[in-house]
Structure formats: structure tokens, C-alpha cells
């Protein structure tokens, strides 16, 4: 999955790739980001064969607040 300029065409829009040793950690980070900013939510987690760890990509709008706990 590539990052298209269209996805980040405005100031305050970011694309974050989260990498961690396990899926649980990746999901916990996405949940934390979701509380901080408006995000694309909990996205699919993937593993690359032959490489350690798990990854996910999150789109966030840092101009807007996320959900409250």
C-alpha cells in the first residue's frame, strides 16, 4: 500500500505506520492515537513473511480531537 499525495494534501493530515513486535501492541498504539486525534480507526494489522513484528497504517487529522476515554 503506497502513500498518495492526495491522502496528505492538507496541513494537519498525517499517515503513520506503526511497527511493533506483536499485533496486540500495534492495536494498543492505534487505540491511543484514536483517543488523541481523529483517525481512520483500528486498521488491519499485517506481517511481512520473513520479517519480525507486525505493522499497521493509520491516517490521522491532528487538527481534530479524537474520542474521549
Protein backbone atom coordinates (compact mmCIF):
# COMPACT_ATOMS: atom_id res chain seq x y z
CA UNK A 1 0.00 0.00 0.00
CA UNK A 2 1.55 3.29 -1.05
CA UNK A 3 1.01 6.73 0.40
CA UNK A 4 -0.61 9.01 -2.14
CA UNK A 5 -0.07 12.78 -2.03
CA UNK A 6 -3.85 13.13 -2.11
CA UNK A 7 -4.04 11.49 1.34
CA UNK A 8 -1.86 14.17 2.92
CA UNK A 9 -2.67 17.19 0.74
CA UNK A 10 -3.55 19.49 3.66
CA UNK A 11 -1.57 20.66 6.70
CA UNK A 12 -2.50 18.61 9.77
CA UNK A 13 -3.15 15.35 7.91
CA UNK A 14 -0.63 12.59 8.61
CA UNK A 15 -0.03 8.96 7.72
CA UNK A 16 1.55 6.88 10.48
CA UNK A 17 2.96 3.40 10.03
CA UNK A 18 3.03 1.62 13.37
CA UNK A 19 5.53 -1.22 13.79
CA UNK A 20 5.84 -3.38 16.90
CA UNK A 21 6.87 -6.85 18.00
CA UNK A 22 3.27 -8.12 18.17
CA UNK A 23 -0.27 -7.37 16.99
CA UNK A 24 -1.51 -6.51 20.49
CA UNK A 25 0.99 -3.68 20.80
CA UNK A 26 0.13 -2.34 17.34
CA UNK A 27 -3.58 -2.33 18.24
CA UNK A 28 -2.91 -0.62 21.60
CA UNK A 29 -0.98 2.16 19.83
CA UNK A 30 -3.81 2.63 17.30
CA UNK A 31 -6.33 2.88 20.17
CA UNK A 32 -4.17 5.53 21.86
CA UNK A 33 -3.86 7.53 18.64
CA UNK A 34 -7.63 7.31 18.17
CA UNK A 35 -8.18 8.89 21.60
CA UNK A 36 -5.72 11.70 20.77
CA UNK A 37 -6.75 12.58 17.19
CA UNK A 38 -9.43 11.86 14.61
CA UNK A 39 -8.05 8.76 12.84
CA UNK A 40 -9.01 6.12 10.33
CA UNK A 41 -9.64 3.88 13.35
CA UNK A 42 -8.27 0.43 14.04
CA UNK A 43 -6.92 -0.67 10.67
CA UNK A 44 -5.83 -4.15 9.57
CA UNK A 45 -2.55 -5.38 11.03
CA UNK A 46 -0.15 -7.21 8.73
CA UNK A 47 3.06 -9.20 8.93
CA UNK A 48 5.68 -9.46 6.21
CA UNK A 49 6.89 -13.04 5.73
CA UNK A 50 10.49 -13.42 6.88
CA UNK A 51 10.46 -10.16 8.86
CA UNK A 52 9.81 -9.88 12.59
CA UNK A 53 6.92 -7.92 14.03
CA UNK A 54 3.56 -6.59 12.95
CA UNK A 55 2.56 -3.34 11.23
CA UNK A 56 -0.46 -1.16 10.56
CA UNK A 57 -1.06 2.14 8.79
CA UNK A 58 -3.20 4.86 10.37
CA UNK A 59 -4.42 8.10 8.81
CA UNK A 60 -4.89 10.94 11.30
CA UNK A 61 -6.12 14.52 11.34
CA UNK A 62 -4.10 16.19 14.08
CA UNK A 63 -6.29 19.31 13.87
CA UNK A 64 -9.26 17.47 15.40
CA UNK A 65 -9.58 15.74 18.74
CA UNK A 66 -10.29 12.04 18.92
CA UNK A 67 -12.64 10.20 21.23
CA UNK A 68 -12.64 10.76 24.96
CA UNK A 69 -11.94 7.80 27.28
